[in-house]
Protein backbone atom coordinates (compact mmCIF):
# COMPACT_ATOMS: atom_id res chain seq x y z
CA UNK A 1 9.03 137.98 153.31
CA UNK A 2 10.89 134.77 154.14
CA UNK A 3 12.42 133.95 157.50
CA UNK A 4 16.02 134.71 158.38
CA UNK A 5 18.40 132.20 156.81
CA UNK A 6 22.13 131.67 157.05
CA UNK A 7 23.45 131.30 153.50
CA UNK A 8 26.81 129.69 152.88
CA UNK A 9 28.22 131.14 149.67
CA UNK A 10 31.09 129.50 147.81
CA UNK A 11 33.27 131.90 145.87
CA UNK A 12 35.93 130.47 143.60
CA UNK A 13 36.68 126.85 142.73
CA UNK A 14 38.92 124.03 143.92
CA UNK A 15 41.59 124.80 146.48
CA UNK A 16 40.98 128.55 146.35
CA UNK A 17 37.28 128.34 147.18
CA UNK A 18 36.17 130.82 149.84
CA UNK A 19 33.11 130.25 152.02
CA UNK A 20 31.13 133.28 153.17
CA UNK A 21 28.42 132.88 155.78
CA UNK A 22 25.84 135.67 155.76
CA UNK A 23 22.71 135.95 157.90
CA UNK A 24 19.99 137.56 155.84
CA UNK A 25 16.25 138.09 156.00
CA UNK A 26 15.13 137.42 152.47
CA UNK A 27 12.02 136.66 150.45
CA UNK A 28 12.03 133.44 148.50
CA UNK A 29 13.68 134.52 145.23
CA UNK A 30 11.29 134.53 142.30
CA UNK A 31 13.00 134.53 138.95
CA UNK A 32 12.03 133.92 135.37
CA UNK A 33 12.31 130.12 135.46
CA UNK A 34 10.04 129.78 138.49
CA UNK A 35 10.59 128.63 142.09
CA UNK A 36 12.93 125.73 142.70
CA UNK A 37 15.05 126.40 139.60
CA UNK A 38 18.48 127.96 140.27
CA UNK A 39 18.86 131.41 138.74
CA UNK A 40 21.34 131.82 135.92
CA UNK A 41 23.48 134.76 134.94
CA UNK A 42 22.01 135.12 131.45
CA UNK A 43 18.38 134.92 132.45
CA UNK A 44 18.26 136.43 135.96
CA UNK A 45 21.44 138.28 136.95
CA UNK A 46 22.37 140.16 133.78
CA UNK A 47 19.03 142.07 133.66
CA UNK A 48 19.53 143.22 137.28
CA UNK A 49 23.08 144.41 136.62
CA UNK A 50 22.01 146.14 133.43
CA UNK A 51 19.16 147.95 135.16
CA UNK A 52 20.90 148.92 138.41
CA UNK A 53 24.68 148.76 137.93
CA UNK A 54 25.75 149.18 134.33
CA UNK A 55 25.24 152.95 134.24
CA UNK A 56 28.52 153.17 136.19
CA UNK A 57 30.03 149.71 135.67
CA UNK A 58 30.92 149.95 131.98
CA UNK A 59 33.99 151.02 129.98
CA UNK A 60 34.95 154.71 130.21
CA UNK A 61 32.66 155.31 133.15
CA UNK A 62 33.35 156.05 136.82
CA UNK A 63 33.35 152.51 138.24
CA UNK A 64 36.63 150.56 138.43
CA UNK A 65 35.37 147.56 136.43
CA UNK A 66 32.62 146.76 133.89
CA UNK A 67 29.85 144.31 134.84
CA UNK A 68 28.19 143.53 131.51
CA UNK A 69 29.11 139.92 130.81
CA UNK A 70 29.57 136.72 132.78
CA UNK A 71 33.31 136.86 132.16
CA UNK A 72 33.51 140.43 133.51
CA UNK A 73 31.40 139.66 136.57
CA UNK A 74 32.88 136.31 137.59
CA UNK A 75 36.15 137.62 139.15
CA UNK A 76 34.24 140.13 141.28
CA UNK A 77 31.56 137.87 142.75
CA UNK A 78 32.98 137.98 146.28
CA UNK A 79 32.85 141.78 146.34
CA UNK A 80 29.48 141.94 144.63
CA UNK A 81 27.69 139.62 147.05
CA UNK A 82 29.20 141.44 150.04
CA UNK A 83 28.32 144.90 148.73
CA UNK A 84 24.75 144.11 147.68
CA UNK A 85 24.11 142.09 150.85
CA UNK A 86 25.01 145.08 153.03
CA UNK A 87 23.33 147.54 150.61
CA UNK A 88 26.53 149.43 149.92
CA UNK A 89 25.87 148.98 146.21
CA UNK A 90 24.16 150.31 144.26
CA UNK A 91 24.77 153.51 146.25
CA UNK A 92 21.44 154.42 147.83
CA UNK A 93 21.88 155.55 151.41
CA UNK A 94 18.37 156.63 152.33
CA UNK A 95 17.17 154.58 155.30
CA UNK A 96 14.50 152.17 154.06
CA UNK A 97 12.87 151.93 157.49
CA UNK A 98 12.33 155.65 158.10
CA UNK A 99 10.15 158.27 156.45
CA UNK A 100 9.06 158.59 152.83
CA UNK A 101 10.06 155.65 150.64
CA UNK A 102 8.74 156.60 147.20
CA UNK A 103 11.33 158.17 144.92
CA UNK A 104 11.50 158.83 141.19
CA UNK A 105 15.15 157.86 140.90
CA UNK A 106 15.42 154.86 143.24
CA UNK A 107 18.50 152.91 142.10
CA UNK A 108 18.52 150.49 145.03
CA UNK A 109 18.03 146.75 144.73
CA UNK A 110 14.82 145.20 146.02
CA UNK A 111 14.95 142.44 148.63
CA UNK A 112 13.95 140.03 145.88
CA UNK A 113 16.80 141.12 143.60
CA UNK A 114 19.33 140.72 146.41
CA UNK A 115 17.94 137.28 147.18
CA UNK A 116 18.24 136.30 143.50
CA UNK A 117 21.90 137.36 143.36
CA UNK A 118 22.72 135.48 146.54
CA UNK A 119 20.82 132.38 145.39
CA UNK A 120 22.75 132.45 142.10
CA UNK A 121 26.08 132.53 143.95
CA UNK A 122 24.90 129.79 146.28
CA UNK A 123 24.09 127.65 143.22
CA UNK A 124 27.74 127.96 142.05
CA UNK A 125 27.01 130.81 139.63
CA UNK A 126 25.62 129.01 136.56
CA UNK A 127 26.11 130.98 133.35
CA UNK A 128 22.94 129.76 131.65
CA UNK A 129 21.88 129.89 128.02
CA UNK A 130 23.47 132.83 126.13
CA UNK A 131 20.16 133.19 124.26
CA UNK A 132 18.61 134.40 127.54
CA UNK A 133 20.94 137.41 127.75
CA UNK A 134 19.19 140.78 127.42
CA UNK A 135 20.12 142.87 124.41
CA UNK A 136 23.17 145.06 125.13
CA UNK A 137 22.19 148.48 126.35
CA UNK A 138 23.51 151.45 124.40
CA UNK A 139 24.70 154.14 126.80
CA UNK A 140 25.16 157.74 125.77
CA UNK A 141 28.57 159.38 126.06
CA UNK A 142 29.05 160.80 129.55
CA UNK A 143 30.18 164.09 128.03
CA UNK A 144 26.89 164.44 126.09
CA UNK A 145 23.67 166.01 127.34
CA UNK A 146 21.66 163.32 129.11
CA UNK A 147 18.42 165.33 128.99
CA UNK A 148 18.70 165.82 125.24
CA UNK A 149 16.77 162.59 124.65
CA UNK A 150 13.75 164.22 126.30
CA UNK A 151 14.12 167.91 125.47
CA UNK A 152 16.57 168.06 122.59
CA UNK A 153 19.76 170.14 122.86
CA UNK A 154 19.88 172.79 125.61
CA UNK A 155 18.46 176.19 124.76
CA UNK A 156 21.43 177.86 126.44
CA UNK A 157 24.92 176.53 127.14
CA UNK A 158 27.21 178.44 129.51
CA UNK A 159 30.83 177.33 129.66
CA UNK A 160 33.44 178.04 132.29
CA UNK A 161 36.96 178.94 131.14
CA UNK A 162 39.44 176.09 130.70
CA UNK A 163 41.47 175.06 133.72
CA UNK A 164 44.59 172.87 133.72
CA UNK A 165 45.05 170.48 136.61
CA UNK A 166 48.71 169.51 136.91
CA UNK A 167 49.68 165.89 137.44
CA UNK A 168 50.82 166.69 141.00
CA UNK A 169 49.21 169.63 142.80
CA UNK A 170 47.20 170.70 145.81
CA UNK A 171 43.41 170.79 145.55
CA UNK A 172 42.22 173.95 143.81
CA UNK A 173 38.96 175.93 143.78
CA UNK A 174 38.34 177.82 140.53
CA UNK A 175 35.56 180.46 140.70
CA UNK A 176 35.10 182.28 137.38
CA UNK A 177 32.04 184.45 136.59
CA UNK A 178 30.37 184.12 133.17
CA UNK A 179 27.48 186.29 131.84
CA UNK A 180 24.40 184.31 130.83
CA UNK A 181 23.57 186.61 127.90
CA UNK A 182 19.89 186.60 128.92
CA UNK A 183 18.08 189.71 127.57
CA UNK A 184 14.56 188.96 128.86
CA UNK A 185 13.10 186.99 131.77
CA UNK A 186 13.05 183.24 131.03
CA UNK A 187 11.67 180.34 133.01
CA UNK A 188 13.74 177.17 133.32
CA UNK A 189 12.22 173.68 133.19
CA UNK A 190 15.43 171.64 133.37
CA UNK A 191 19.15 172.12 134.03
CA UNK A 192 22.13 169.89 133.43
CA UNK A 193 25.76 170.47 134.35
CA UNK A 194 28.86 168.37 133.79
CA UNK A 195 32.59 168.44 133.09
CA UNK A 196 33.07 168.83 129.34
CA UNK A 197 35.02 165.59 128.85
CA UNK A 198 35.17 162.13 130.36
CA UNK A 199 38.75 162.86 131.46
CA UNK A 200 37.53 166.01 133.15
CA UNK A 201 35.34 163.93 135.43
CA UNK A 202 38.49 162.35 136.87
CA UNK A 203 39.82 165.65 138.22
CA UNK A 204 36.52 167.42 139.05
CA UNK A 205 35.43 166.61 142.57
CA UNK A 206 32.33 168.78 142.27
CA UNK A 207 31.13 171.96 140.64
CA UNK A 208 28.56 174.56 141.67
CA UNK A 209 26.75 177.12 139.54
CA UNK A 210 25.42 180.13 141.44
CA UNK A 211 22.89 182.42 139.77
CA UNK A 212 23.71 186.07 140.39
CA UNK A 213 21.02 188.53 139.32
CA UNK A 214 19.48 191.80 140.42
CA UNK A 215 16.47 190.64 142.38
CA UNK A 216 14.91 191.28 145.75
CA UNK A 217 14.26 187.78 147.08
CA UNK A 218 14.39 187.02 150.81
CA UNK A 219 17.54 185.05 151.55
CA UNK A 220 15.63 182.93 154.09
CA UNK A 221 13.85 181.20 151.19
CA UNK A 222 17.03 179.53 150.01
CA UNK A 223 19.50 179.41 152.91
CA UNK A 224 19.89 179.66 156.68
CA UNK A 225 23.56 180.65 156.35
CA UNK A 226 24.17 184.41 156.72
CA UNK A 227 27.61 183.96 155.20
CA UNK A 228 26.19 182.96 151.81
CA UNK A 229 26.41 185.80 149.28
CA UNK A 230 24.36 186.33 146.14
CA UNK A 231 21.00 184.96 145.08
CA UNK A 232 21.57 181.33 145.83
CA UNK A 233 22.51 178.21 143.95
CA UNK A 234 21.33 177.22 140.51
CA UNK A 235 22.82 173.75 140.01
CA UNK A 236 25.42 171.32 141.35
CA UNK A 237 27.40 168.50 139.76
CA UNK A 238 28.90 165.68 141.81
CA UNK A 239 29.20 161.93 141.42
CA UNK A 240 25.61 160.67 141.53
CA UNK A 241 24.02 163.95 140.45
CA UNK A 242 24.16 166.02 137.27
CA UNK A 243 20.75 167.49 136.47
CA UNK A 244 17.41 168.79 137.70
CA UNK A 245 13.98 168.63 136.09
CA UNK A 246 11.24 170.84 137.48
CA UNK A 247 7.85 169.34 138.22
CA UNK A 248 5.06 170.39 135.82
CA UNK A 249 3.97 173.93 136.58
CA UNK A 250 7.20 174.82 138.42
CA UNK A 251 10.40 176.46 137.22
CA UNK A 252 13.41 178.59 138.06
CA UNK A 253 13.63 182.18 136.89
CA UNK A 254 16.55 183.75 135.05
CA UNK A 255 16.58 187.54 134.59
CA UNK A 256 18.28 189.86 132.08
CA UNK A 257 21.87 190.66 132.96
CA UNK A 258 22.24 187.58 135.13
CA UNK A 259 25.57 185.82 135.60
CA UNK A 260 26.71 182.36 136.57
CA UNK A 261 29.39 182.14 139.23
CA UNK A 262 31.05 178.75 138.80
CA UNK A 263 32.93 176.96 141.55
CA UNK A 264 35.00 173.93 140.56
CA UNK A 265 36.85 171.84 143.12
CA UNK A 266 39.73 170.20 141.23
CA UNK A 267 42.16 167.55 142.44
CA UNK A 268 45.25 166.02 140.85
CA UNK A 269 45.34 162.36 139.77
CA UNK A 270 48.89 161.98 138.43
CA UNK A 271 47.98 163.08 134.90
CA UNK A 272 47.82 166.63 133.53
CA UNK A 273 44.27 167.35 132.35
CA UNK A 274 42.72 170.51 130.93
CA UNK A 275 38.95 170.79 131.04
CA UNK A 276 36.02 173.09 131.68
CA UNK A 277 32.44 172.76 132.92
CA UNK A 278 29.31 173.20 130.80
CA UNK A 279 25.91 174.28 132.10
CA UNK A 280 22.95 173.43 129.86
CA UNK A 281 19.66 175.26 130.43
CA UNK A 282 16.31 174.14 129.01
CA UNK A 283 13.65 176.87 128.93
CA UNK A 284 9.90 176.66 128.98
CA UNK A 285 8.57 177.83 125.60
CA UNK A 286 7.63 181.49 125.61
CA UNK A 287 4.01 181.85 126.60
CA UNK A 288 4.13 178.70 128.76
CA UNK A 289 5.37 180.26 131.96
CA UNK A 290 5.03 178.01 135.01
CA UNK A 291 2.77 179.06 137.85
CA UNK A 292 5.19 178.29 140.68
CA UNK A 293 8.79 179.17 141.38
CA UNK A 294 11.31 176.60 142.57
CA UNK A 295 14.59 177.40 144.32
CA UNK A 296 17.62 175.30 145.21
CA UNK A 297 18.09 175.76 148.95
CA UNK A 298 21.09 175.10 151.18
CA UNK A 299 20.21 174.59 154.84
CA UNK A 300 23.12 174.01 157.23
CA UNK A 301 22.73 171.49 160.02
CA UNK A 302 24.51 173.61 162.63
CA UNK A 303 24.50 177.21 163.89
CA UNK A 304 25.68 180.00 161.60
CA UNK A 305 27.20 183.05 163.32
CA UNK A 306 27.15 185.98 160.92
CA UNK A 307 30.10 188.22 160.25
CA UNK A 308 32.87 185.85 161.25
CA UNK A 309 33.29 184.30 157.82
CA UNK A 310 33.24 180.84 159.40
CA UNK A 311 30.61 178.30 160.42
CA UNK A 312 30.22 176.94 163.93
CA UNK A 313 31.03 173.31 163.20
CA UNK A 314 33.39 171.87 165.81
CA UNK A 315 34.12 168.13 165.84
CA UNK A 316 36.44 166.93 168.66
CA UNK A 317 38.97 164.17 168.02
CA UNK A 318 38.09 160.55 168.75
CA UNK A 319 34.41 161.26 169.27
CA UNK A 320 31.05 160.82 167.59
CA UNK A 321 29.37 164.22 167.39
CA UNK A 322 25.87 165.39 166.49
CA UNK A 323 24.72 168.80 165.30
CA UNK A 324 21.25 170.15 164.57
CA UNK A 325 19.45 173.15 163.18
CA UNK A 326 15.87 174.40 163.01
CA UNK A 327 14.71 176.20 159.85
CA UNK A 328 11.27 177.90 159.85
CA UNK A 329 9.47 177.90 156.51
CA UNK A 330 8.26 181.43 155.74
CA UNK A 331 5.97 180.27 152.92
CA UNK A 332 3.95 177.17 152.13
CA UNK A 333 6.33 174.70 150.52
CA UNK A 334 6.59 171.49 148.58
CA UNK A 335 9.94 169.77 149.23
CA UNK A 336 10.97 168.17 145.94
CA UNK A 337 14.01 166.22 147.09
CA UNK A 338 16.43 165.55 149.93
CA UNK A 339 20.21 165.43 149.57
CA UNK A 340 22.73 165.25 152.41
CA UNK A 341 26.14 166.85 151.88
CA UNK A 342 28.99 166.04 154.26
CA UNK A 343 32.66 165.05 154.04
CA UNK A 344 34.74 162.14 155.32
CA UNK A 345 33.58 162.20 158.97
CA UNK A 346 29.93 162.55 157.98
CA UNK A 347 27.84 159.46 158.74
CA UNK A 348 24.19 160.46 158.51
CA UNK A 349 21.52 163.15 158.36
CA UNK A 350 17.80 163.31 159.01
CA UNK A 351 15.09 165.81 158.06
CA UNK A 352 12.00 166.12 160.25
CA UNK A 353 8.96 168.38 159.93
CA UNK A 354 7.65 170.11 163.08
CA UNK A 355 4.17 171.32 162.10
CA UNK A 356 2.49 174.47 163.47
CA UNK A 357 -0.14 172.31 165.22
CA UNK A 358 2.56 170.44 167.17
CA UNK A 359 2.68 167.29 165.03
CA UNK A 360 6.07 165.83 164.10
CA UNK A 361 6.90 163.75 161.04
CA UNK A 362 10.23 162.24 160.08
CA UNK A 363 10.51 162.88 156.35
CA UNK A 364 13.80 161.23 155.38
CA UNK A 365 17.04 159.96 156.85
CA UNK A 366 20.34 159.14 155.19
CA UNK A 367 22.19 156.42 157.10
CA UNK A 368 25.78 155.33 156.43
CA UNK A 369 26.54 158.39 154.31
CA UNK A 370 29.31 157.82 151.77
CA UNK A 371 31.27 160.87 150.63
CA UNK A 372 32.01 159.22 147.27
CA UNK A 373 28.34 159.54 146.30
CA UNK A 374 26.13 162.62 146.40
CA UNK A 375 22.74 161.07 145.88
CA UNK A 376 19.73 163.30 145.35
CA UNK A 377 16.58 161.52 146.54
CA UNK A 378 13.74 162.85 144.36
CA UNK A 379 10.30 162.28 145.83
CA UNK A 380 7.47 160.96 143.68
CA UNK A 381 4.98 163.69 142.71
CA UNK A 382 2.33 162.59 145.20
CA UNK A 383 4.87 161.81 147.95
CA UNK A 384 6.80 165.11 148.00
CA UNK A 385 6.18 166.68 151.44
CA UNK A 386 3.58 169.47 151.51
CA UNK A 387 4.42 171.73 154.44
CA UNK A 388 2.37 174.76 155.54
CA UNK A 389 3.93 178.10 156.33
CA UNK A 390 5.31 178.08 159.86
CA UNK A 391 6.49 174.47 159.70
CA UNK A 392 10.01 174.05 161.11
CA UNK A 393 12.45 171.78 159.33
CA UNK A 394 14.59 170.02 161.93
CA UNK A 395 17.93 168.76 160.59
CA UNK A 396 20.11 166.40 162.63
CA UNK A 397 23.57 165.31 161.45
CA UNK A 398 26.14 163.02 163.01
CA UNK A 399 29.88 162.68 162.48
CA UNK A 400 32.28 159.88 163.36
CA UNK A 401 35.76 161.26 164.10
CA UNK A 402 37.05 158.00 165.54
CA UNK A 403 39.37 155.27 164.29
CA UNK A 404 36.25 153.16 163.73
CA UNK A 405 35.39 155.31 160.71
CA UNK A 406 37.39 153.73 157.89
CA UNK A 407 37.13 156.95 155.83
CA UNK A 408 38.64 159.09 158.58
CA UNK A 409 42.10 160.41 157.58
CA UNK A 410 43.12 161.28 161.15
CA UNK A 411 40.92 160.70 164.22
CA UNK A 412 43.31 162.72 166.44
CA UNK A 413 42.47 166.00 164.66
CA UNK A 414 39.93 168.61 165.68
CA UNK A 415 37.79 169.21 162.58
CA UNK A 416 35.91 172.35 161.62
CA UNK A 417 34.01 173.74 158.65
CA UNK A 418 35.98 174.07 155.43
CA UNK A 419 36.08 173.42 151.69
CA UNK A 420 38.85 170.82 151.79
CA UNK A 421 37.88 167.18 151.83
CA UNK A 422 39.72 166.76 155.15
CA UNK A 423 37.58 169.56 156.62
CA UNK A 424 33.86 169.08 157.21
CA UNK A 425 30.49 170.42 156.13
CA UNK A 426 26.92 169.59 156.95
CA UNK A 427 24.00 170.84 154.93
CA UNK A 428 20.96 169.60 153.04
CA UNK A 429 20.32 170.49 149.41
CA UNK A 430 16.58 170.90 148.88
CA UNK A 431 14.70 171.87 145.74
CA UNK A 432 11.70 173.77 147.14
CA UNK A 433 8.60 175.02 145.36
CA UNK A 434 6.86 177.81 147.27
CA UNK A 435 3.04 178.01 147.02
CA UNK A 436 0.52 180.70 147.93
CA UNK A 437 -2.35 179.76 150.26
CA UNK A 438 -4.85 179.08 147.47
CA UNK A 439 -2.51 176.82 145.51
CA UNK A 440 -1.35 175.06 148.66
CA UNK A 441 -4.93 174.18 149.64
CA UNK A 442 -5.63 173.00 146.09
CA UNK A 443 -2.58 170.74 146.19
CA UNK A 444 -3.68 169.34 149.56
CA UNK A 445 -7.17 168.67 148.21
CA UNK A 446 -5.72 166.87 145.18
CA UNK A 447 -3.69 164.60 147.47
CA UNK A 448 -6.76 163.81 149.59
CA UNK A 449 -8.85 163.04 146.51
CA UNK A 450 -6.17 160.73 145.11
CA UNK A 451 -5.87 158.90 148.44
CA UNK A 452 -9.63 158.50 148.68
CA UNK A 453 -9.82 157.10 145.15
CA UNK A 454 -7.00 154.65 145.77
CA UNK A 455 -8.57 153.47 149.02
CA UNK A 456 -11.92 152.58 147.38
CA UNK A 457 -12.53 148.83 147.07
CA UNK A 458 -12.29 147.43 143.56
CA UNK A 459 -15.65 146.61 141.91
């Protein structure tokens, strides 16, 4: 890692040039042409943008501008260097200094990539040789099944009824119930959910799919909220999240007669749009039933009085507020991911393990939460927390209801729990695989063996 340096970045040309001075701690950028040679867009910057940014920054996608070519990128350099320098983009809000840092879906830029972008701007943004450009990446249609490349088309598709969002209207919550048509127990290895059309994404803030089926499963395994009805959540769609894949040997169970209770939060955008949501389910082949069951859990980060129909979240005006909750694990568990869900006043959330023997371990923390992105941080297979029965998950959340929070619509308002964007929430989405004692010990032993092997000196 290099020392801290103050970089003076020139954006624009001639009389409209703008100088930005940024203090950064950066490694010496290493790019394809070697040290001492200024990076170019074609050779060094385009591959980074293609790998980390283009999934959103392309035509007919969610970002406001495409970033595929030099000509598309050049007008936005000032914003790009500011956003990547402060790690606002790509959206990856897990704190890189706290807890587990190995994730399957890490979209963040490395220190070296940030240094390369800033060095390119500092060198007056040379375009470079067009022959160095990477081949254009072919992106699938956002309304198509993304998991189809791996599994083929879904084995089961469940569609919500159409809903028309008027050009001007209040936010709406549409909660239809649709039978799954399942006639025998089936184990699920992957799930994907999305609005049916690209236009539908513009009016769909988020959608939930709850699995309702006749089953005696302790509610404490999937929620700490006594106000939650039914058998828990099956899948969620929001910007930054649209599917789940189970780890090998784990799956979710669907039973005969089950139903999906959809919940779509729609909002008007000045254009009348009719759309629906589609839930695609990929089953394990019959005869290949997984050994372990995974659930999608919702754990609130504040107290939950039963019977009142409300949650005890109370955020005073013009204050920064913290809330916390303690959730005991009633079975051995492997935590597959961490996802913080809050609204406009939400700023951060941490998840800590309090072990039965008194040890404490900070697992993950989201800092500078951004309501526009609902990132699911999926742990690598050998990094997913293994927690014995009796471990307490400690969740801490903080909210900024002051004028200093640029996302805050009104710092003079008291804010409580509610579905509206101007209300607040605070909970963690966790995919959890529960393990019996024998399997838990076997998983622990496998981790120890892998660590021992990796620690051996090379021959």
